[in-house]
Amino acid sequence: MDIENIEKLESAAYRRLIKHLQKRTDVQNIDVMDLAGFCRNCLSRWMSEEAEKLNITYSKEAAQEYVYGMTYENWKENFQK
Protein backbone atom coordinates (compact mmCIF):
# COMPACT_ATOMS: atom_id res chain seq x y z
CA MET A 1 0.00 0.00 0.00
CA ASP A 2 1.32 3.48 -0.82
CA ILE A 3 2.17 6.03 1.87
CA GLU A 4 -0.76 8.30 0.97
CA ASN A 5 -3.28 5.55 1.69
CA ILE A 6 -1.41 4.50 4.84
CA GLU A 7 -1.59 8.10 6.09
CA LYS A 8 -5.32 8.24 5.31
CA LEU A 9 -5.86 5.05 7.31
CA GLU A 10 -3.72 6.32 10.18
CA SER A 11 -5.67 9.57 10.26
CA ALA A 12 -9.01 7.79 10.20
CA ALA A 13 -7.95 5.38 12.96
CA TYR A 14 -6.68 8.28 15.09
CA ARG A 15 -9.96 10.19 14.67
CA ARG A 16 -11.82 7.02 15.65
CA LEU A 17 -9.67 6.64 18.77
CA ILE A 18 -10.32 10.26 19.73
CA LYS A 19 -14.10 9.84 19.29
CA HIS A 20 -14.00 6.65 21.32
CA LEU A 21 -12.15 8.36 24.18
CA GLN A 22 -14.54 11.32 24.03
CA LYS A 23 -17.51 8.96 24.46
CA ARG A 24 -15.85 6.98 27.25
CA THR A 25 -15.80 9.74 29.85
CA ASP A 26 -16.22 7.03 32.48
CA VAL A 27 -12.65 5.90 31.77
CA GLN A 28 -10.17 8.02 33.67
CA ASN A 29 -6.82 9.07 32.23
CA ILE A 30 -4.98 7.21 34.99
CA ASP A 31 -6.76 3.99 33.98
CA VAL A 32 -5.75 4.41 30.34
CA MET A 33 -2.19 5.31 31.40
CA ASP A 34 -1.89 2.26 33.64
CA LEU A 35 -3.06 -0.10 30.90
CA ALA A 36 -1.76 1.49 27.71
CA GLY A 37 1.11 3.72 28.81
CA PHE A 38 -0.52 6.85 27.37
CA CYS A 39 -3.67 8.89 27.99
CA ARG A 40 -5.69 11.76 26.58
CA ASN A 41 -3.13 14.24 27.87
CA CYS A 42 -0.36 12.36 26.07
CA LEU A 43 -2.31 12.45 22.80
CA SER A 44 -2.89 16.19 23.05
CA ARG A 45 0.74 16.82 24.00
CA TRP A 46 1.94 14.70 21.06
CA MET A 47 -0.28 16.68 18.68
CA SER A 48 1.10 19.96 19.98
CA GLU A 49 4.70 18.71 19.77
CA GLU A 50 4.25 17.41 16.22
CA ALA A 51 2.68 20.72 15.17
CA GLU A 52 5.74 22.52 16.52
CA LYS A 53 8.06 20.23 14.53
CA LEU A 54 6.08 21.07 11.38
CA ASN A 55 6.04 24.81 12.16
CA ILE A 56 2.26 24.72 12.59
CA THR A 57 0.74 26.97 15.22
CA TYR A 58 -1.33 24.70 17.44
CA SER A 59 -1.40 25.36 21.16
CA LYS A 60 -1.44 22.77 23.89
CA GLU A 61 -4.90 24.05 24.88
CA ALA A 62 -6.25 23.72 21.32
CA ALA A 63 -4.91 20.17 21.13
CA GLN A 64 -6.52 19.33 24.49
CA GLU A 65 -9.84 20.72 23.31
CA TYR A 66 -9.63 18.56 20.17
CA VAL A 67 -8.78 15.38 22.10
CA TYR A 68 -11.25 15.93 24.93
CA GLY A 69 -14.02 17.39 22.76
CA MET A 70 -14.20 20.31 25.21
CA THR A 71 -11.77 22.36 27.24
CA TYR A 72 -9.57 20.36 29.57
CA GLU A 73 -10.88 22.35 32.54
CA ASN A 74 -14.47 21.53 31.57
CA TRP A 75 -13.63 17.83 31.22
CA LYS A 76 -11.96 17.79 34.65
CA GLU A 77 -14.93 19.51 36.28
CA ASN A 78 -17.45 17.13 34.72
CA PHE A 79 -15.70 13.78 34.50
CA GLN A 80 -12.48 13.55 36.50
CA LYS A 81 -12.92 11.49 39.64
C-alpha atoms as a PDB file:
ATOM      1  CA  MET A   1       0.000   0.000   0.000  1.00  0.00           C
ATOM      2  CA  ASP A   2       1.320   3.477  -0.816  1.00  0.00           C
ATOM      3  CA  ILE A   3       2.175   6.033   1.871  1.00  0.00           C
ATOM      4  CA  GLU A   4      -0.756   8.300   0.969  1.00  0.00           C
ATOM      5  CA  ASN A   5      -3.285   5.547   1.688  1.00  0.00           C
ATOM      6  CA  ILE A   6      -1.407   4.496   4.837  1.00  0.00           C
ATOM      7  CA  GLU A   7      -1.586   8.097   6.090  1.00  0.00           C
ATOM      8  CA  LYS A   8      -5.318   8.237   5.305  1.00  0.00           C
ATOM      9  CA  LEU A   9      -5.860   5.053   7.309  1.00  0.00           C
ATOM     10  CA  GLU A  10      -3.718   6.316  10.182  1.00  0.00           C
ATOM     11  CA  SER A  11      -5.670   9.573  10.263  1.00  0.00           C
ATOM     12  CA  ALA A  12      -9.012   7.788  10.200  1.00  0.00           C
ATOM     13  CA  ALA A  13      -7.954   5.382  12.960  1.00  0.00           C
ATOM     14  CA  TYR A  14      -6.675   8.281  15.086  1.00  0.00           C
ATOM     15  CA  ARG A  15      -9.956  10.190  14.674  1.00  0.00           C
ATOM     16  CA  ARG A  16     -11.825   7.023  15.646  1.00  0.00           C
ATOM     17  CA  LEU A  17      -9.667   6.638  18.767  1.00  0.00           C
ATOM     18  CA  ILE A  18     -10.322  10.258  19.733  1.00  0.00           C
ATOM     19  CA  LYS A  19     -14.099   9.841  19.287  1.00  0.00           C
ATOM     20  CA  HIS A  20     -14.000   6.648  21.322  1.00  0.00           C
ATOM     21  CA  LEU A  21     -12.148   8.356  24.178  1.00  0.00           C
ATOM     22  CA  GLN A  22     -14.542  11.315  24.035  1.00  0.00           C
ATOM     23  CA  LYS A  23     -17.506   8.960  24.458  1.00  0.00           C
ATOM     24  CA  ARG A  24     -15.853   6.982  27.251  1.00  0.00           C
ATOM     25  CA  THR A  25     -15.803   9.740  29.851  1.00  0.00           C
ATOM     26  CA  ASP A  26     -16.219   7.026  32.485  1.00  0.00           C
ATOM     27  CA  VAL A  27     -12.651   5.901  31.769  1.00  0.00           C
ATOM     28  CA  GLN A  28     -10.174   8.019  33.675  1.00  0.00           C
ATOM     29  CA  ASN A  29      -6.819   9.066  32.235  1.00  0.00           C
ATOM     30  CA  ILE A  30      -4.980   7.209  34.989  1.00  0.00           C
ATOM     31  CA  ASP A  31      -6.759   3.987  33.982  1.00  0.00           C
ATOM     32  CA  VAL A  32      -5.751   4.405  30.344  1.00  0.00           C
ATOM     33  CA  MET A  33      -2.194   5.313  31.400  1.00  0.00           C
ATOM     34  CA  ASP A  34      -1.893   2.257  33.645  1.00  0.00           C
ATOM     35  CA  LEU A  35      -3.059  -0.101  30.904  1.00  0.00           C
ATOM     36  CA  ALA A  36      -1.760   1.491  27.709  1.00  0.00           C
ATOM     37  CA  GLY A  37       1.109   3.716  28.807  1.00  0.00           C
ATOM     38  CA  PHE A  38      -0.519   6.854  27.374  1.00  0.00           C
ATOM     39  CA  CYS A  39      -3.666   8.889  27.989  1.00  0.00           C
ATOM     40  CA  ARG A  40      -5.689  11.761  26.580  1.00  0.00           C
ATOM     41  CA  ASN A  41      -3.128  14.244  27.871  1.00  0.00           C
ATOM     42  CA  CYS A  42      -0.357  12.360  26.067  1.00  0.00           C
ATOM     43  CA  LEU A  43      -2.306  12.450  22.803  1.00  0.00           C
ATOM     44  CA  SER A  44      -2.893  16.186  23.049  1.00  0.00           C
ATOM     45  CA  ARG A  45       0.742  16.817  23.995  1.00  0.00           C
ATOM     46  CA  TRP A  46       1.937  14.703  21.055  1.00  0.00           C
ATOM     47  CA  MET A  47      -0.283  16.678  18.678  1.00  0.00           C
ATOM     48  CA  SER A  48       1.096  19.960  19.976  1.00  0.00           C
ATOM     49  CA  GLU A  49       4.696  18.714  19.767  1.00  0.00           C
ATOM     50  CA  GLU A  50       4.246  17.412  16.215  1.00  0.00           C
ATOM     51  CA  ALA A  51       2.682  20.720  15.173  1.00  0.00           C
ATOM     52  CA  GLU A  52       5.739  22.522  16.516  1.00  0.00           C
ATOM     53  CA  LYS A  53       8.063  20.227  14.528  1.00  0.00           C
ATOM     54  CA  LEU A  54       6.083  21.066  11.380  1.00  0.00           C
ATOM     55  CA  ASN A  55       6.042  24.810  12.162  1.00  0.00           C
ATOM     56  CA  ILE A  56       2.264  24.724  12.588  1.00  0.00           C
ATOM     57  CA  THR A  57       0.742  26.968  15.220  1.00  0.00           C
ATOM     58  CA  TYR A  58      -1.330  24.697  17.439  1.00  0.00           C
ATOM     59  CA  SER A  59      -1.396  25.363  21.157  1.00  0.00           C
ATOM     60  CA  LYS A  60      -1.441  22.767  23.892  1.00  0.00           C
ATOM     61  CA  GLU A  61      -4.898  24.050  24.879  1.00  0.00           C
ATOM     62  CA  ALA A  62      -6.245  23.718  21.323  1.00  0.00           C
ATOM     63  CA  ALA A  63      -4.910  20.166  21.135  1.00  0.00           C
ATOM     64  CA  GLN A  64      -6.516  19.331  24.485  1.00  0.00           C
ATOM     65  CA  GLU A  65      -9.843  20.718  23.310  1.00  0.00           C
ATOM     66  CA  TYR A  66      -9.634  18.560  20.167  1.00  0.00           C
ATOM     67  CA  VAL A  67      -8.776  15.385  22.098  1.00  0.00           C
ATOM     68  CA  TYR A  68     -11.254  15.934  24.928  1.00  0.00           C
ATOM     69  CA  GLY A  69     -14.021  17.394  22.757  1.00  0.00           C
ATOM     70  CA  MET A  70     -14.198  20.310  25.211  1.00  0.00           C
ATOM     71  CA  THR A  71     -11.768  22.360  27.244  1.00  0.00           C
ATOM     72  CA  TYR A  72      -9.570  20.364  29.574  1.00  0.00           C
ATOM     73  CA  GLU A  73     -10.885  22.351  32.540  1.00  0.00           C
ATOM     74  CA  ASN A  74     -14.472  21.531  31.568  1.00  0.00           C
ATOM     75  CA  TRP A  75     -13.630  17.831  31.219  1.00  0.00           C
ATOM     76  CA  LYS A  76     -11.959  17.786  34.646  1.00  0.00           C
ATOM     77  CA  GLU A  77     -14.933  19.514  36.275  1.00  0.00           C
ATOM     78  CA  ASN A  78     -17.448  17.128  34.723  1.00  0.00           C
ATOM     79  CA  PHE A  79     -15.696  13.778  34.496  1.00  0.00           C
ATOM     80  CA  GLN A  80     -12.480  13.554  36.504  1.00  0.00           C
ATOM     81  CA  LYS A  81     -12.919  11.486  39.645  1.00  0.00           C
END
